[in-house]
Amino acid sequence: MTARTRPLGATAIWDQVMATAGWQCQCKGACGSRHSRSGLRCDGTTRLAIGPVDLALPAEVSASLPAEQLRAWCPKCHGAALRRHRADAEMRRRMESEPPPALFDINP
């Protein structure tokens, strides 16, 4: 078993989240993977960090969340989940915005 590297700050909440997670990434597909080889949950156990369950929250809000609203993430799943979330948000923004004016408007 390798040594687990704890963060410099907020170690109590980090320990609580990691103990709840069983020292394993808690991603169940938010990254785009079905994690089918590992029982539908990522099997990552190295370089774990904690982050919010709701990826839409800004960092300043996430920093004050209780342990129940945090999840253990491996770097691969967290990065992929953030990219997917941002792409979805951008697509929603585009769909909700007004379409650009037509180049040749034939209706006066």
N, C-alpha and C. Protein backbone atom coordinates (compact mmCIF):
# COMPACT_ATOMS: atom_id res chain seq x y z
N MET A 1 0.85 -1.18 0.00
CA MET A 1 0.00 0.00 0.00
C MET A 1 0.89 1.24 0.00
N THR A 2 0.56 2.19 -0.84
CA THR A 2 1.35 3.41 -0.91
C THR A 2 0.85 4.41 0.12
N ALA A 3 1.74 5.32 0.49
CA ALA A 3 1.36 6.36 1.44
C ALA A 3 0.36 7.31 0.80
N ARG A 4 -0.60 7.73 1.56
CA ARG A 4 -1.60 8.67 1.05
C ARG A 4 -1.14 10.08 1.38
N THR A 5 -1.09 10.91 0.39
CA THR A 5 -0.66 12.28 0.58
C THR A 5 -1.85 13.14 0.93
N ARG A 6 -1.80 13.74 2.10
CA ARG A 6 -2.88 14.61 2.54
C ARG A 6 -2.61 16.03 2.09
N PRO A 7 -3.65 16.83 1.94
CA PRO A 7 -3.45 18.23 1.56
C PRO A 7 -2.85 19.02 2.71
N LEU A 8 -2.37 20.20 2.41
CA LEU A 8 -1.78 21.04 3.45
C LEU A 8 -2.83 21.64 4.38
N GLY A 9 -4.02 21.89 3.87
CA GLY A 9 -5.09 22.47 4.68
C GLY A 9 -6.35 21.65 4.59
N ALA A 10 -7.28 21.95 5.47
CA ALA A 10 -8.59 21.28 5.51
C ALA A 10 -8.47 19.76 5.57
N THR A 11 -7.52 19.30 6.37
CA THR A 11 -7.28 17.85 6.43
C THR A 11 -8.44 17.09 7.08
N ALA A 12 -9.13 17.71 8.02
CA ALA A 12 -10.24 17.01 8.69
C ALA A 12 -11.35 16.68 7.70
N ILE A 13 -11.76 17.66 6.91
CA ILE A 13 -12.83 17.41 5.93
C ILE A 13 -12.35 16.48 4.83
N TRP A 14 -11.08 16.60 4.45
CA TRP A 14 -10.51 15.72 3.42
C TRP A 14 -10.53 14.27 3.92
N ASP A 15 -10.09 14.07 5.17
CA ASP A 15 -10.10 12.72 5.75
C ASP A 15 -11.52 12.15 5.80
N GLN A 16 -12.49 12.99 6.15
CA GLN A 16 -13.89 12.55 6.23
C GLN A 16 -14.41 12.12 4.86
N VAL A 17 -14.15 12.93 3.83
CA VAL A 17 -14.61 12.59 2.48
C VAL A 17 -13.93 11.32 1.99
N MET A 18 -12.63 11.21 2.21
CA MET A 18 -11.89 10.03 1.75
C MET A 18 -12.33 8.77 2.47
N ALA A 19 -12.59 8.87 3.76
CA ALA A 19 -13.06 7.70 4.51
C ALA A 19 -14.42 7.24 3.98
N THR A 20 -15.31 8.19 3.73
CA THR A 20 -16.62 7.87 3.17
C THR A 20 -16.48 7.22 1.80
N ALA A 21 -15.52 7.71 1.01
CA ALA A 21 -15.30 7.19 -0.34
C ALA A 21 -14.53 5.88 -0.35
N GLY A 22 -14.02 5.49 0.79
CA GLY A 22 -13.21 4.27 0.84
C GLY A 22 -11.87 4.45 0.12
N TRP A 23 -11.37 5.68 0.11
CA TRP A 23 -10.09 6.02 -0.52
C TRP A 23 -10.07 5.63 -2.00
N GLN A 24 -11.21 5.85 -2.66
CA GLN A 24 -11.37 5.51 -4.08
C GLN A 24 -12.19 6.62 -4.74
N CYS A 25 -11.89 6.89 -5.99
CA CYS A 25 -12.64 7.89 -6.76
C CYS A 25 -14.12 7.53 -6.74
N GLN A 26 -14.97 8.52 -6.54
CA GLN A 26 -16.41 8.28 -6.45
C GLN A 26 -17.15 8.55 -7.76
N CYS A 27 -16.43 8.74 -8.84
CA CYS A 27 -17.08 9.01 -10.13
C CYS A 27 -17.87 7.78 -10.58
N LYS A 28 -19.11 8.02 -10.98
CA LYS A 28 -19.96 6.94 -11.49
C LYS A 28 -20.40 7.23 -12.91
N GLY A 29 -19.60 7.99 -13.63
CA GLY A 29 -19.89 8.24 -15.03
C GLY A 29 -19.97 9.69 -15.43
N ALA A 30 -19.81 10.61 -14.50
CA ALA A 30 -19.86 12.04 -14.85
C ALA A 30 -18.74 12.41 -15.81
N CYS A 31 -17.70 11.60 -15.86
CA CYS A 31 -16.56 11.86 -16.75
C CYS A 31 -16.82 11.38 -18.17
N GLY A 32 -17.88 10.62 -18.37
CA GLY A 32 -18.18 10.08 -19.69
C GLY A 32 -17.89 8.60 -19.80
N SER A 33 -17.19 8.04 -18.84
CA SER A 33 -16.90 6.61 -18.84
C SER A 33 -18.00 5.89 -18.07
N ARG A 34 -18.31 4.68 -18.50
CA ARG A 34 -19.30 3.89 -17.76
C ARG A 34 -18.63 3.14 -16.61
N HIS A 35 -17.31 3.12 -16.58
CA HIS A 35 -16.56 2.40 -15.55
C HIS A 35 -17.06 0.96 -15.43
N SER A 36 -17.32 0.34 -16.57
CA SER A 36 -17.91 -1.01 -16.56
C SER A 36 -16.95 -2.07 -16.03
N ARG A 37 -15.64 -1.85 -16.12
CA ARG A 37 -14.71 -2.85 -15.60
C ARG A 37 -14.68 -2.89 -14.08
N SER A 38 -15.12 -1.79 -13.46
CA SER A 38 -14.96 -1.69 -12.02
C SER A 38 -16.29 -1.53 -11.28
N GLY A 39 -17.32 -2.14 -11.76
CA GLY A 39 -18.60 -2.10 -11.05
C GLY A 39 -19.30 -0.76 -11.12
N LEU A 40 -19.15 -0.06 -12.25
CA LEU A 40 -19.81 1.22 -12.50
C LEU A 40 -19.34 2.35 -11.60
N ARG A 41 -18.15 2.19 -11.03
CA ARG A 41 -17.51 3.25 -10.25
C ARG A 41 -16.03 3.23 -10.58
N CYS A 42 -15.45 4.40 -10.73
CA CYS A 42 -14.03 4.48 -11.07
C CYS A 42 -13.20 3.75 -10.01
N ASP A 43 -12.18 3.06 -10.45
CA ASP A 43 -11.33 2.34 -9.50
C ASP A 43 -10.05 3.11 -9.16
N GLY A 44 -10.00 4.40 -9.51
CA GLY A 44 -8.83 5.22 -9.22
C GLY A 44 -8.62 5.40 -7.72
N THR A 45 -7.37 5.21 -7.29
CA THR A 45 -7.05 5.34 -5.86
C THR A 45 -5.82 6.22 -5.63
N THR A 46 -5.24 6.78 -6.68
CA THR A 46 -4.04 7.60 -6.50
C THR A 46 -4.32 9.05 -6.85
N ARG A 47 -3.59 9.93 -6.19
CA ARG A 47 -3.68 11.38 -6.41
C ARG A 47 -5.11 11.89 -6.27
N LEU A 48 -5.84 11.35 -5.33
CA LEU A 48 -7.24 11.75 -5.13
C LEU A 48 -7.32 13.15 -4.54
N ALA A 49 -8.36 13.85 -4.94
CA ALA A 49 -8.66 15.18 -4.41
C ALA A 49 -10.15 15.22 -4.13
N ILE A 50 -10.57 16.24 -3.41
CA ILE A 50 -12.01 16.38 -3.18
C ILE A 50 -12.53 17.56 -3.98
N GLY A 51 -13.76 17.41 -4.43
CA GLY A 51 -14.42 18.47 -5.18
C GLY A 51 -15.91 18.35 -4.98
N PRO A 52 -16.64 19.35 -5.40
CA PRO A 52 -18.09 19.33 -5.17
C PRO A 52 -18.79 18.29 -6.04
N VAL A 53 -19.91 17.82 -5.54
CA VAL A 53 -20.77 16.93 -6.32
C VAL A 53 -21.34 17.73 -7.50
N ASP A 54 -21.73 18.99 -7.22
CA ASP A 54 -22.27 19.89 -8.25
C ASP A 54 -21.12 20.67 -8.88
N LEU A 55 -20.73 20.29 -10.07
CA LEU A 55 -19.59 20.91 -10.73
C LEU A 55 -19.86 22.34 -11.19
N ALA A 56 -21.11 22.78 -11.13
CA ALA A 56 -21.45 24.14 -11.54
C ALA A 56 -21.06 25.18 -10.49
N LEU A 57 -20.78 24.74 -9.28
CA LEU A 57 -20.45 25.67 -8.21
C LEU A 57 -19.08 26.30 -8.43
N PRO A 58 -18.97 27.61 -8.20
CA PRO A 58 -17.65 28.24 -8.31
C PRO A 58 -16.74 27.81 -7.15
N ALA A 59 -15.45 27.97 -7.33
CA ALA A 59 -14.46 27.51 -6.35
C ALA A 59 -14.68 28.15 -4.98
N GLU A 60 -15.03 29.44 -4.95
CA GLU A 60 -15.21 30.11 -3.65
C GLU A 60 -16.39 29.55 -2.87
N VAL A 61 -17.40 29.03 -3.55
CA VAL A 61 -18.53 28.39 -2.87
C VAL A 61 -18.15 26.96 -2.49
N SER A 62 -17.47 26.27 -3.38
CA SER A 62 -17.06 24.88 -3.13
C SER A 62 -16.17 24.76 -1.91
N ALA A 63 -15.36 25.78 -1.66
CA ALA A 63 -14.42 25.74 -0.54
C ALA A 63 -15.12 25.69 0.81
N SER A 64 -16.37 26.13 0.87
CA SER A 64 -17.07 26.16 2.15
C SER A 64 -18.15 25.09 2.29
N LEU A 65 -18.17 24.14 1.38
CA LEU A 65 -19.20 23.09 1.43
C LEU A 65 -18.91 22.07 2.53
N PRO A 66 -19.97 21.50 3.11
CA PRO A 66 -19.76 20.42 4.08
C PRO A 66 -19.36 19.13 3.36
N ALA A 67 -18.84 18.20 4.12
CA ALA A 67 -18.33 16.94 3.55
C ALA A 67 -19.40 16.18 2.78
N GLU A 68 -20.66 16.30 3.17
CA GLU A 68 -21.74 15.57 2.50
C GLU A 68 -21.94 16.02 1.06
N GLN A 69 -21.49 17.23 0.74
CA GLN A 69 -21.66 17.76 -0.61
C GLN A 69 -20.37 17.71 -1.42
N LEU A 70 -19.40 16.96 -0.91
CA LEU A 70 -18.12 16.80 -1.59
C LEU A 70 -17.93 15.35 -1.99
N ARG A 71 -17.07 15.14 -2.96
CA ARG A 71 -16.83 13.80 -3.50
C ARG A 71 -15.33 13.64 -3.74
N ALA A 72 -14.86 12.41 -3.63
CA ALA A 72 -13.47 12.10 -3.97
C ALA A 72 -13.36 11.92 -5.48
N TRP A 73 -12.39 12.58 -6.09
CA TRP A 73 -12.19 12.51 -7.54
C TRP A 73 -10.74 12.15 -7.84
N CYS A 74 -10.54 11.28 -8.81
CA CYS A 74 -9.19 11.08 -9.35
C CYS A 74 -8.99 12.19 -10.39
N PRO A 75 -7.76 12.55 -10.71
CA PRO A 75 -7.53 13.64 -11.66
C PRO A 75 -8.16 13.41 -13.03
N LYS A 76 -8.11 12.19 -13.51
CA LYS A 76 -8.66 11.89 -14.84
C LYS A 76 -10.17 12.12 -14.89
N CYS A 77 -10.89 11.59 -13.93
CA CYS A 77 -12.35 11.74 -13.90
C CYS A 77 -12.75 13.19 -13.65
N HIS A 78 -12.07 13.86 -12.72
CA HIS A 78 -12.43 15.24 -12.41
C HIS A 78 -12.24 16.14 -13.62
N GLY A 79 -11.10 16.00 -14.29
CA GLY A 79 -10.86 16.81 -15.48
C GLY A 79 -11.87 16.55 -16.58
N ALA A 80 -12.17 15.29 -16.82
CA ALA A 80 -13.13 14.94 -17.87
C ALA A 80 -14.54 15.40 -17.50
N ALA A 81 -14.92 15.26 -16.24
CA ALA A 81 -16.25 15.70 -15.81
C ALA A 81 -16.39 17.21 -15.93
N LEU A 82 -15.34 17.95 -15.58
CA LEU A 82 -15.38 19.41 -15.73
C LEU A 82 -15.50 19.80 -17.20
N ARG A 83 -14.74 19.15 -18.07
CA ARG A 83 -14.83 19.46 -19.50
C ARG A 83 -16.23 19.18 -20.03
N ARG A 84 -16.81 18.07 -19.64
CA ARG A 84 -18.17 17.75 -20.09
C ARG A 84 -19.17 18.77 -19.57
N HIS A 85 -19.03 19.13 -18.30
CA HIS A 85 -19.95 20.11 -17.71
C HIS A 85 -19.84 21.46 -18.43
N ARG A 86 -18.62 21.91 -18.68
CA ARG A 86 -18.42 23.19 -19.37
C ARG A 86 -18.95 23.15 -20.80
N ALA A 87 -18.75 22.05 -21.49
CA ALA A 87 -19.27 21.91 -22.86
C ALA A 87 -20.79 21.93 -22.86
N ASP A 88 -21.41 21.25 -21.90
CA ASP A 88 -22.88 21.26 -21.79
C ASP A 88 -23.39 22.66 -21.48
N ALA A 89 -22.71 23.37 -20.57
CA ALA A 89 -23.12 24.73 -20.23
C ALA A 89 -23.00 25.66 -21.43
N GLU A 90 -21.93 25.51 -22.20
CA GLU A 90 -21.74 26.32 -23.41
C GLU A 90 -22.83 26.02 -24.43
N MET A 91 -23.18 24.77 -24.60
CA MET A 91 -24.23 24.39 -25.54
C MET A 91 -25.58 24.98 -25.10
N ARG A 92 -25.88 24.91 -23.80
CA ARG A 92 -27.12 25.50 -23.29
C ARG A 92 -27.13 27.01 -23.53
N ARG A 93 -26.00 27.67 -23.29
CA ARG A 93 -25.91 29.11 -23.50
C ARG A 93 -26.18 29.45 -24.95
N ARG A 94 -25.60 28.68 -25.86
CA ARG A 94 -25.81 28.93 -27.29
C ARG A 94 -27.26 28.70 -27.69
N MET A 95 -27.87 27.67 -27.16
CA MET A 95 -29.25 27.35 -27.52
C MET A 95 -30.23 28.41 -26.98
N GLU A 96 -29.90 29.00 -25.84
CA GLU A 96 -30.79 29.98 -25.22
C GLU A 96 -30.57 31.39 -25.74
N SER A 97 -29.46 31.65 -26.39
CA SER A 97 -29.18 33.00 -26.88
C SER A 97 -29.93 33.27 -28.18
N GLU A 98 -30.06 34.53 -28.48
CA GLU A 98 -30.72 34.94 -29.72
C GLU A 98 -29.86 34.53 -30.91
N PRO A 99 -30.48 34.08 -31.98
CA PRO A 99 -29.69 33.74 -33.17
C PRO A 99 -29.13 35.01 -33.80
N PRO A 100 -28.01 34.92 -34.47
CA PRO A 100 -27.45 36.10 -35.12
C PRO A 100 -28.37 36.56 -36.25
N PRO A 101 -28.31 37.85 -36.59
CA PRO A 101 -29.16 38.33 -37.69
C PRO A 101 -28.76 37.65 -39.00
N ALA A 102 -29.75 37.46 -39.83
CA ALA A 102 -29.50 36.80 -41.12
C ALA A 102 -28.69 37.73 -42.02
N LEU A 103 -27.83 37.16 -42.81
CA LEU A 103 -27.01 37.95 -43.72
C LEU A 103 -27.88 38.62 -44.78
N PHE A 104 -28.81 37.87 -45.31
CA PHE A 104 -29.72 38.42 -46.31
C PHE A 104 -31.14 38.23 -45.80
N ASP A 105 -31.69 39.25 -45.21
CA ASP A 105 -33.04 39.18 -44.67
C ASP A 105 -34.02 39.54 -45.78
N ILE A 106 -34.79 38.56 -46.24
CA ILE A 106 -35.71 38.82 -47.36
C ILE A 106 -37.06 39.33 -46.89
N ASN A 107 -37.32 39.27 -45.60
CA ASN A 107 -38.58 39.80 -45.06
C ASN A 107 -38.32 41.20 -44.52
N PRO A 108 -39.03 42.21 -45.06
CA PRO A 108 -38.80 43.59 -44.59
C PRO A 108 -39.34 43.84 -43.20
